[in-house]
Structures are given as structure tokens and as C-alpha cells.
Amino acid sequence: MADVRRGLIIVNTGPGKGKTTAAMGTAFRAVGNGMKVLMLQFIKGSWHYGELDAAKVFGDKFIMKQMGRGFVKVGAEQPDPEDVRMVEEAWAEGERAIHSGEWDLIILDEINYAISYGMLDPAKVAESLRRKPDMVHVILTGRNAHPKIVEIADTVTEMRQVKHAYEKGVMAQRGIEY
């Protein structure tokens, strides 16, 4: 087999926990290998997560930005126009970063939610990813990855929940889940 080296498109999806955590593990590995990482969180924004403080330890080698307001309304309701505007801004920043040459790895955290909620056009995202520079890696997280995104990805992992402590009434634990 040939030793091909190029930037990968990786998708972490599925109904189980661990999509963002897996992306962050890859980010820490990348920083440890001298790479620069940008993580844009498309939905998160209203809460303070422990990983925000942890990322600061890496200085300008690992930058995390919360680009949303937090949980968005979905279902029968149309998404709030302000949430749509914020998702569009996050995508514009993500697309610029992917093509800037400044970053080795860009994590588009929860972008799959934004796409599945109808807040972002999957064809636009897929087309931009097809044109990314050769050595830039991109990780897309969130449930319900769109088939267009899955098709262009090099690696797709689906997290599946077997059981969860919440089902026994155990609330989210600081340092473990946030």
C-alpha cells in the first residue's frame, strides 16, 4: 500500500456520547505534534465548559471559539433567525480558516446539528471541503451527519450509546461531561 499523506476529513456522528471529546483528543494529539488547531463550536456558547480553560494552556496552538448561543429550538418550529445568523457567521469563519493556510486542523464542532436543523446548506459545506488545501485536516461533529458530508469524508465514526448514567438519574458530572 502506498504511503499517502494528506489532510483528512473526519466525521464523528451518531446518538452516543463522545463526538466532541474524540475530536478534542485528536486536537491534543495534533498540538503535541506541533500542529495548530482551531475549534469552532457552532451551537455551544451560553455555558462555560472545562475544555475552554484547558485549551488556554496551549496558547495560540489550540484556539476554541464558542460561536452560538447554546441550545437551539428544533422540530416543528423554524430555527430562530438569530441562531441561523450565528451559524452562518461560524461557517464563514470556518471556511476562511480551512482555506487560510494558518491552521493544520480545524474542528467544526456540532456543524452536523446545524446542517440537520436546516440552518446551513450541506452542499455548500461539502463543496468547500472538496476544495480544501491538501494538508489541512477537518473534523465535523454532531448527530445526523448529512449523506453529502459522509460521502466526502475519509473517516466516519458513529458513536452509539449502550447505556448512560442519566438513565439512572445521575446528572452530568463536572470534569467528565462538561
Protein backbone atom coordinates (compact mmCIF):
# COMPACT_ATOMS: atom_id res chain seq x y z
CA MET A 1 0.00 0.00 0.00
CA ALA A 2 1.28 3.47 -0.89
CA ASP A 3 2.30 5.87 1.89
CA VAL A 4 -0.17 8.64 1.07
CA ARG A 5 -0.13 11.72 3.28
CA ARG A 6 -2.88 14.31 3.04
CA GLY A 7 -5.32 16.20 5.19
CA LEU A 8 -8.28 14.09 6.24
CA ILE A 9 -11.97 14.86 6.53
CA ILE A 10 -13.21 13.09 9.66
CA VAL A 11 -16.81 12.85 10.84
CA ASN A 12 -17.78 11.97 14.43
CA THR A 13 -21.53 11.34 14.45
CA GLY A 14 -24.22 9.16 16.00
CA PRO A 15 -26.56 9.26 19.00
CA GLY A 16 -23.96 8.30 21.63
CA LYS A 17 -21.68 10.50 23.72
CA GLY A 18 -18.12 11.30 22.81
CA LYS A 19 -18.18 13.07 19.44
CA THR A 20 -16.69 16.34 20.66
CA THR A 21 -14.47 14.56 23.19
CA ALA A 22 -12.97 12.39 20.43
CA ALA A 23 -12.33 15.49 18.31
CA MET A 24 -10.61 17.16 21.27
CA GLY A 25 -8.46 14.10 21.84
CA THR A 26 -7.31 14.38 18.23
CA ALA A 27 -6.71 18.10 18.78
CA PHE A 28 -4.48 17.41 21.80
CA ARG A 29 -2.56 14.82 19.78
CA ALA A 30 -2.15 17.32 16.93
CA VAL A 31 -0.88 20.07 19.26
CA GLY A 32 1.54 17.56 20.78
CA ASN A 33 2.93 17.05 17.29
CA GLY A 34 3.46 20.76 16.70
CA MET A 35 0.26 21.41 14.76
CA LYS A 36 -2.03 24.43 15.10
CA VAL A 37 -5.70 23.70 15.84
CA LEU A 38 -8.83 25.83 15.60
CA MET A 39 -12.10 24.56 17.08
CA LEU A 40 -15.29 26.42 16.23
CA GLN A 41 -18.34 25.40 18.24
CA PHE A 42 -21.40 26.04 16.07
CA ILE A 43 -24.11 25.68 18.72
CA LYS A 44 -22.39 25.91 22.10
CA GLY A 45 -22.00 29.36 23.52
CA SER A 46 -24.02 30.08 26.63
CA TRP A 47 -22.33 27.72 29.10
CA HIS A 48 -18.78 27.58 30.41
CA TYR A 49 -17.14 24.21 29.73
CA GLY A 50 -13.95 22.94 31.36
CA GLU A 51 -12.38 22.36 27.95
CA LEU A 52 -12.40 26.14 27.32
CA ASP A 53 -9.95 26.60 30.22
CA ALA A 54 -7.90 23.55 29.24
CA ALA A 55 -7.44 24.83 25.69
CA LYS A 56 -5.98 28.11 27.01
CA VAL A 57 -2.99 26.17 28.35
CA PHE A 58 -1.91 25.55 24.75
CA GLY A 59 -1.79 29.27 23.89
CA ASP A 60 -2.13 30.01 20.19
CA LYS A 61 -1.58 26.33 19.27
CA PHE A 62 -5.19 25.42 20.15
CA ILE A 63 -7.89 28.06 19.88
CA MET A 64 -11.53 27.31 20.80
CA LYS A 65 -14.34 29.69 19.94
CA GLN A 66 -17.96 29.35 21.00
CA MET A 67 -19.94 30.74 18.07
CA GLY A 68 -23.55 30.03 19.12
CA ARG A 69 -25.94 30.89 21.93
CA GLY A 70 -26.38 27.38 23.26
CA PHE A 71 -29.24 25.01 22.58
CA VAL A 72 -31.43 25.91 19.61
CA LYS A 73 -35.12 25.21 19.11
CA VAL A 74 -35.85 22.47 16.59
CA GLY A 75 -38.75 20.35 15.48
CA ALA A 76 -41.94 21.90 14.16
CA GLU A 77 -40.59 25.41 14.76
CA GLN A 78 -38.31 27.23 12.37
CA PRO A 79 -34.90 27.95 13.87
CA ASP A 80 -34.58 31.40 15.41
CA PRO A 81 -33.18 33.79 12.74
CA GLU A 82 -30.52 34.91 15.22
CA ASP A 83 -29.30 31.31 15.60
CA VAL A 84 -29.23 30.94 11.80
CA ARG A 85 -27.22 34.17 11.50
CA MET A 86 -24.74 32.92 14.10
CA VAL A 87 -24.36 29.56 12.33
CA GLU A 88 -23.73 31.37 9.04
CA GLU A 89 -21.06 33.50 10.74
CA ALA A 90 -19.47 30.40 12.25
CA TRP A 91 -19.40 28.71 8.83
CA ALA A 92 -17.90 31.82 7.19
CA GLU A 93 -15.13 31.82 9.81
CA GLY A 94 -14.65 28.07 9.45
CA GLU A 95 -14.44 28.24 5.67
CA ARG A 96 -11.92 31.11 5.85
CA ALA A 97 -9.84 29.13 8.37
CA ILE A 98 -9.85 25.97 6.24
CA HIS A 99 -8.53 27.88 3.23
CA SER A 100 -6.23 30.30 5.12
CA GLY A 101 -3.15 28.13 5.46
CA GLU A 102 -2.91 29.19 9.12
CA TRP A 103 -4.31 26.00 10.69
CA ASP A 104 -3.36 22.34 10.41
CA LEU A 105 -6.60 21.03 11.94
CA ILE A 106 -9.99 22.72 12.06
CA ILE A 107 -12.76 21.20 14.18
CA LEU A 108 -16.28 22.21 13.19
CA ASP A 109 -17.97 21.14 16.41
CA GLU A 110 -21.71 20.47 16.14
CA ILE A 111 -21.84 21.55 12.49
CA ASN A 112 -23.80 18.37 11.72
CA TYR A 113 -26.58 19.64 14.01
CA ALA A 114 -26.64 22.99 12.21
CA ILE A 115 -26.96 21.19 8.88
CA SER A 116 -29.62 18.74 10.07
CA TYR A 117 -31.65 21.61 11.59
CA GLY A 118 -31.74 23.31 8.16
CA MET A 119 -29.54 26.20 9.31
CA LEU A 120 -26.69 25.50 6.88
CA ASP A 121 -26.61 24.09 3.34
CA PRO A 122 -24.79 20.73 3.28
CA ALA A 123 -23.90 21.13 -0.42
CA LYS A 124 -22.09 24.41 0.33
CA VAL A 125 -20.10 22.77 3.13
CA ALA A 126 -19.27 19.70 1.05
CA GLU A 127 -18.09 21.80 -1.90
CA SER A 128 -15.79 23.87 0.30
CA LEU A 129 -14.36 20.73 1.90
CA ARG A 130 -13.66 19.28 -1.57
CA ARG A 131 -11.54 22.38 -2.32
CA LYS A 132 -9.62 22.43 0.99
CA PRO A 133 -5.82 22.60 0.88
CA ASP A 134 -4.19 19.17 0.67
CA MET A 135 -2.63 19.06 4.14
CA VAL A 136 -5.47 20.60 6.16
CA HIS A 137 -7.40 18.19 8.38
CA VAL A 138 -11.06 18.89 9.21
CA ILE A 139 -13.23 17.18 11.83
CA LEU A 140 -17.01 17.63 11.75
CA THR A 141 -19.02 16.59 14.82
CA GLY A 142 -22.68 16.21 15.74
CA ARG A 143 -25.51 13.75 15.30
CA ASN A 144 -27.21 13.05 11.98
CA ALA A 145 -24.29 13.71 9.64
CA HIS A 146 -25.73 14.55 6.22
CA PRO A 147 -25.13 11.96 3.46
CA LYS A 148 -23.23 14.57 1.37
CA ILE A 149 -20.80 15.05 4.28
CA VAL A 150 -20.46 11.30 4.91
CA GLU A 151 -19.77 10.75 1.20
CA ILE A 152 -16.77 13.11 1.04
CA ALA A 153 -15.33 12.09 4.43
CA ASP A 154 -12.25 9.90 4.68
CA THR A 155 -13.19 8.53 8.11
CA VAL A 156 -16.64 8.37 9.69
CA THR A 157 -17.19 7.13 13.23
CA GLU A 158 -20.66 6.65 14.63
CA MET A 159 -20.94 6.80 18.40
CA ARG A 160 -23.66 4.50 19.72
CA GLN A 161 -25.00 4.70 23.24
CA VAL A 162 -25.22 1.37 25.01
CA LYS A 163 -26.29 2.90 28.33
CA HIS A 164 -25.92 6.22 30.08
CA ALA A 165 -25.74 7.21 33.75
CA TYR A 166 -28.50 9.76 33.15
CA GLU A 167 -30.92 6.85 32.70
CA LYS A 168 -30.28 6.01 36.39
CA GLY A 169 -30.89 9.61 37.47
CA VAL A 170 -27.19 10.55 37.64
CA MET A 171 -26.74 14.11 36.44
CA ALA A 172 -23.89 15.31 34.21
CA GLN A 173 -20.61 15.37 36.14
CA ARG A 174 -18.28 18.39 36.11
CA GLY A 175 -14.93 17.42 34.62
CA ILE A 176 -16.40 14.42 32.81
CA GLU A 177 -19.25 15.77 30.70
CA TYR A 178 -18.62 19.50 30.83
